[in-house]
Structure formats: structure tokens, C-alpha cells
Amino acid sequence: MVSGSRAPVPRKAHGGGPGGAAQGPALPATGGVLLGRDYHYEVVRPGIGLYGGRPFEAAAPVVTLSLPVIQVRTVEPDEAVGYGWVWGATKPTRIATVAAGYADGIHRALSNRALLWSGKTACPLVGRVSMDLLTIDVSALDHDPETLDLVNADHGLDTLADVAGTIGYELFTSLGRRYGRSYTGG
């Protein structure tokens, strides 16, 4: 899908920019690649499409962001977690503290809104995203998890970006250097 007020111009018709000035060929990103060969020019840069992000809806997501759980504790009613008491327990709640935060590129807009995953089980982020920690309600689990996924094959970057009010590429490029990286396949 192309947004904006002008339709893309195939290379065969490409010849002038605004006011008739000569304009060189564009370097299309994922969206241009998906439009077809007429829009590729000499070089393309598929970018976020390589990682399964929009606008390449048919791509398989290839990024998983698993975060380490450093403790699990029960928070009692009328106790809170995080800054500013933005979340307080209304019943005994098992809270996992996760070693990641905005210093690692986790957007603060995800506070009290994001879901992390243990397998197929959703675990809500409760309280604020702090510099180095997240607090996650793991009451739905029958075990204490070692890790929780913020991004996985079933819940990709764009899903998380929608919650944060941004785009998947911004989240992806915000991820800090403190993450261990491993590459499989390919």
C-alpha cells in the first residue's frame, strides 16, 4: 500500500522532479521492492522487510526478543510495583521482574500496555517501564519462567509497535547493545 498524495512513478516514466528538474533514480525500501521491478531502479534496500516487518505482510517474522526473568515474587493487595504507583495489586499477584528497560530500547509508551509471552500464554506488563527493569504479571503461568518474549514469531515487532503508537522499524532500531544476539538458520 502506498500512502501520500502522489502515486509512485515507475522508472520508465521517471524523468523529472518538482518543477521539471532532473531527478536521479530513487533507492526503494521494502515498499518499493514490493511494487515490482519497474520500481527497483539500479539498487534496492529491502530493510525492515528482511525482518518480517510491514509493509511485507507475507514475510515470516524472524526476530525473537527473549528477556531474562531475574525474580518472581507475590505482590499482595494494595501493594504496587514500579514508579508512581501506576499499577497496584487488587489480589495476590505473581510478578516477574525482567532485566530490560528503556535503556535497552523498550519504549516507555509500553508501560501498563504491552504483553510478554511464555509460550502461548500472554503475561501483561504492569507498572512503568523503568531504565533497567520491567514488571510482568505471570499469575497465569503454573511455573516461574526463565525468560519472557517481548517479540516472537506469533507477536512481531509491528504488533508491539501498534501498542506503542509507533512503527516496527523504530522499535527494531531502538534495541540496545546489551542484548545477547544469536543467529540461527539461513
Protein backbone atom coordinates (compact mmCIF):
# COMPACT_ATOMS: atom_id res chain seq x y z
CA MET A 1 0.00 0.00 0.00
CA VAL A 2 1.31 3.42 -0.90
CA SER A 3 0.36 6.40 1.21
CA GLY A 4 0.62 10.07 0.43
CA SER A 5 -0.81 12.28 -2.22
CA ARG A 6 1.25 11.06 -5.19
CA ALA A 7 1.32 7.65 -6.77
CA PRO A 8 4.78 6.11 -7.24
CA VAL A 9 6.39 6.68 -10.60
CA PRO A 10 7.81 3.63 -12.41
CA ARG A 11 11.37 4.02 -13.67
CA LYS A 12 10.21 4.04 -17.28
CA ALA A 13 8.30 7.25 -16.63
CA HIS A 14 10.80 8.70 -14.17
CA GLY A 15 12.45 11.73 -15.57
CA GLY A 16 11.72 14.90 -13.74
CA GLY A 17 11.21 16.09 -10.25
CA PRO A 18 9.25 19.04 -9.00
CA GLY A 19 9.24 21.92 -11.47
CA GLY A 20 10.63 19.67 -14.21
CA ALA A 21 14.13 19.50 -12.65
CA ALA A 22 16.13 16.37 -13.43
CA GLN A 23 15.88 13.83 -10.65
CA GLY A 24 18.05 10.76 -10.15
CA PRO A 25 16.65 7.31 -9.51
CA ALA A 26 15.33 6.54 -6.06
CA LEU A 27 16.65 3.84 -3.76
CA PRO A 28 13.44 1.98 -2.90
CA ALA A 29 12.92 0.44 0.51
CA THR A 30 10.71 -2.57 1.26
CA GLY A 31 7.56 -0.86 -0.04
CA GLY A 32 9.23 -0.05 -3.37
CA VAL A 33 10.60 -3.57 -3.67
CA LEU A 34 7.08 -4.92 -3.25
CA LEU A 35 5.74 -2.70 -6.04
CA GLY A 36 7.65 -4.73 -8.63
CA ARG A 37 10.69 -4.50 -10.92
CA ASP A 38 9.53 -1.27 -12.55
CA TYR A 39 10.26 0.46 -9.24
CA HIS A 40 13.62 -1.15 -8.43
CA TYR A 41 15.99 1.07 -10.42
CA GLU A 42 19.63 0.00 -10.04
CA VAL A 43 19.65 -0.90 -6.34
CA VAL A 44 17.07 -1.71 -3.70
CA ARG A 45 17.24 -1.78 0.10
CA PRO A 46 14.59 -4.13 1.42
CA GLY A 47 15.22 -3.04 5.04
CA ILE A 48 12.56 -3.99 7.58
CA GLY A 49 11.02 -6.47 5.13
CA LEU A 50 14.00 -8.74 5.74
CA TYR A 51 12.90 -8.99 9.36
CA GLY A 52 9.24 -9.68 8.64
CA GLY A 53 8.06 -6.12 9.18
CA ARG A 54 5.47 -4.03 7.40
CA PRO A 55 4.76 -3.45 4.65
CA PHE A 56 5.90 -7.02 3.80
CA GLU A 57 2.87 -8.68 5.37
CA ALA A 58 3.64 -12.09 3.79
CA ALA A 59 7.15 -12.29 5.29
CA ALA A 60 7.86 -14.71 8.10
CA PRO A 61 8.89 -12.87 11.28
CA VAL A 62 12.49 -13.70 12.11
CA VAL A 63 13.11 -11.73 15.31
CA THR A 64 12.60 -13.05 18.83
CA LEU A 65 13.36 -10.88 21.83
CA SER A 66 13.57 -13.10 24.92
CA LEU A 67 14.23 -11.25 28.15
CA PRO A 68 15.65 -12.81 31.31
CA VAL A 69 13.49 -13.08 34.42
CA ILE A 70 15.59 -12.22 37.45
CA GLN A 71 13.00 -12.87 40.17
CA VAL A 72 9.37 -13.82 40.75
CA ARG A 73 7.56 -12.57 43.87
CA THR A 74 3.97 -12.37 45.04
CA VAL A 75 2.64 -8.84 45.38
CA GLU A 76 -0.20 -8.56 47.88
CA PRO A 77 -3.36 -6.43 47.54
CA ASP A 78 -2.72 -2.70 47.98
CA GLU A 79 0.98 -3.11 47.12
CA ALA A 80 2.40 -1.56 43.96
CA VAL A 81 5.28 -2.09 41.58
CA GLY A 82 7.33 0.45 39.68
CA TYR A 83 7.44 4.21 39.75
CA GLY A 84 4.46 6.33 40.70
CA TRP A 85 2.16 3.51 41.82
CA VAL A 86 0.61 3.33 38.32
CA TRP A 87 -0.23 -0.33 38.97
CA GLY A 88 -1.31 -1.81 42.26
CA ALA A 89 -2.38 -5.36 43.06
CA THR A 90 -6.06 -5.96 43.78
CA LYS A 91 -5.40 -9.62 44.66
CA PRO A 92 -2.24 -11.67 45.32
CA THR A 93 -0.35 -11.44 42.02
CA ARG A 94 2.82 -13.20 40.91
CA ILE A 95 5.15 -10.58 39.42
CA ALA A 96 8.25 -11.42 37.39
CA THR A 97 10.98 -8.81 37.31
CA VAL A 98 12.63 -8.78 33.90
CA ALA A 99 16.11 -7.42 33.21
CA ALA A 100 15.31 -4.92 30.42
CA GLY A 101 14.04 -1.37 30.24
CA TYR A 102 14.16 1.89 28.35
CA ALA A 103 17.98 1.83 28.46
CA ASP A 104 17.65 -1.23 26.22
CA GLY A 105 15.24 0.44 23.81
CA ILE A 106 11.98 -0.74 25.38
CA HIS A 107 9.69 2.25 24.83
CA ARG A 108 8.11 3.77 27.93
CA ALA A 109 4.84 4.03 25.97
CA LEU A 110 4.52 0.27 26.55
CA SER A 111 4.04 0.85 30.30
CA ASN A 112 0.92 -0.93 31.57
CA ARG A 113 0.05 -1.84 27.94
CA ALA A 114 2.37 -4.46 26.46
CA LEU A 115 2.11 -8.22 26.65
CA LEU A 116 5.07 -10.55 27.06
CA TRP A 117 4.79 -14.22 26.27
CA SER A 118 5.67 -17.52 27.87
CA GLY A 119 4.96 -19.92 25.04
CA LYS A 120 1.35 -19.16 24.04
CA THR A 121 0.44 -17.55 27.37
CA ALA A 122 0.15 -13.76 27.47
CA CYS A 123 1.61 -12.03 30.52
CA PRO A 124 0.80 -8.32 30.90
CA LEU A 125 3.47 -5.74 31.63
CA VAL A 126 2.28 -3.96 34.78
CA GLY A 127 3.60 -0.67 36.04
CA ARG A 128 6.01 1.59 34.24
CA VAL A 129 8.91 0.62 32.00
CA SER A 130 11.92 1.71 34.05
CA MET A 131 15.51 2.17 32.96
CA ASP A 132 16.59 -1.43 33.52
CA LEU A 133 13.53 -3.37 34.67
CA LEU A 134 10.05 -4.47 33.65
CA THR A 135 7.45 -5.99 35.94
CA ILE A 136 5.25 -8.67 34.40
CA ASP A 137 2.15 -10.39 35.81
CA VAL A 138 2.88 -14.13 35.47
CA SER A 139 -0.08 -15.29 37.56
CA ALA A 140 -1.47 -17.21 34.54
CA LEU A 141 1.60 -19.47 34.48
CA ASP A 142 1.98 -22.64 36.52
CA HIS A 143 5.75 -22.13 36.73
CA ASP A 144 8.34 -19.40 37.19
CA PRO A 145 9.68 -18.63 33.71
CA GLU A 146 13.37 -18.19 32.99
CA THR A 147 12.63 -15.81 30.10
CA LEU A 148 9.65 -13.95 28.64
CA ASP A 149 9.33 -12.93 24.98
CA LEU A 150 8.51 -9.35 24.11
CA VAL A 151 8.68 -10.22 20.39
CA ASN A 152 8.31 -13.65 18.83
CA ALA A 153 7.04 -15.36 15.67
CA ASP A 154 3.40 -15.05 16.75
CA HIS A 155 3.66 -11.49 18.11
CA GLY A 156 6.02 -9.49 15.94
CA LEU A 157 7.55 -6.05 16.02
CA ASP A 158 4.61 -4.44 14.27
CA THR A 159 2.14 -5.81 16.82
CA LEU A 160 4.26 -4.33 19.60
CA ALA A 161 4.68 -1.08 17.66
CA ASP A 162 0.91 -0.72 17.35
CA VAL A 163 0.67 -0.86 21.16
CA ALA A 164 3.42 1.76 21.49
CA GLY A 165 1.91 4.04 18.83
CA THR A 166 4.92 3.83 16.51
CA ILE A 167 6.30 1.64 13.72
CA GLY A 168 8.14 -1.67 13.96
CA TYR A 169 11.27 -0.21 12.39
CA GLU A 170 11.59 2.36 15.18
CA LEU A 171 11.33 -0.37 17.82
CA PHE A 172 13.78 -2.60 15.97
CA THR A 173 16.41 0.09 15.56
CA SER A 174 15.96 1.23 19.17
CA LEU A 175 17.08 -2.09 20.61
CA GLY A 176 20.23 -1.52 22.63
CA ARG A 177 23.62 -3.17 22.65
CA ARG A 178 23.15 -5.03 25.92
CA TYR A 179 21.17 -7.84 24.29
CA GLY A 180 22.92 -11.08 23.51
CA ARG A 181 22.36 -11.94 19.87
CA SER A 182 22.23 -15.35 18.29
CA TYR A 183 21.64 -16.24 14.67
CA THR A 184 20.04 -19.46 13.53
CA GLY A 185 19.16 -20.86 10.11
CA GLY A 186 19.98 -19.20 6.82
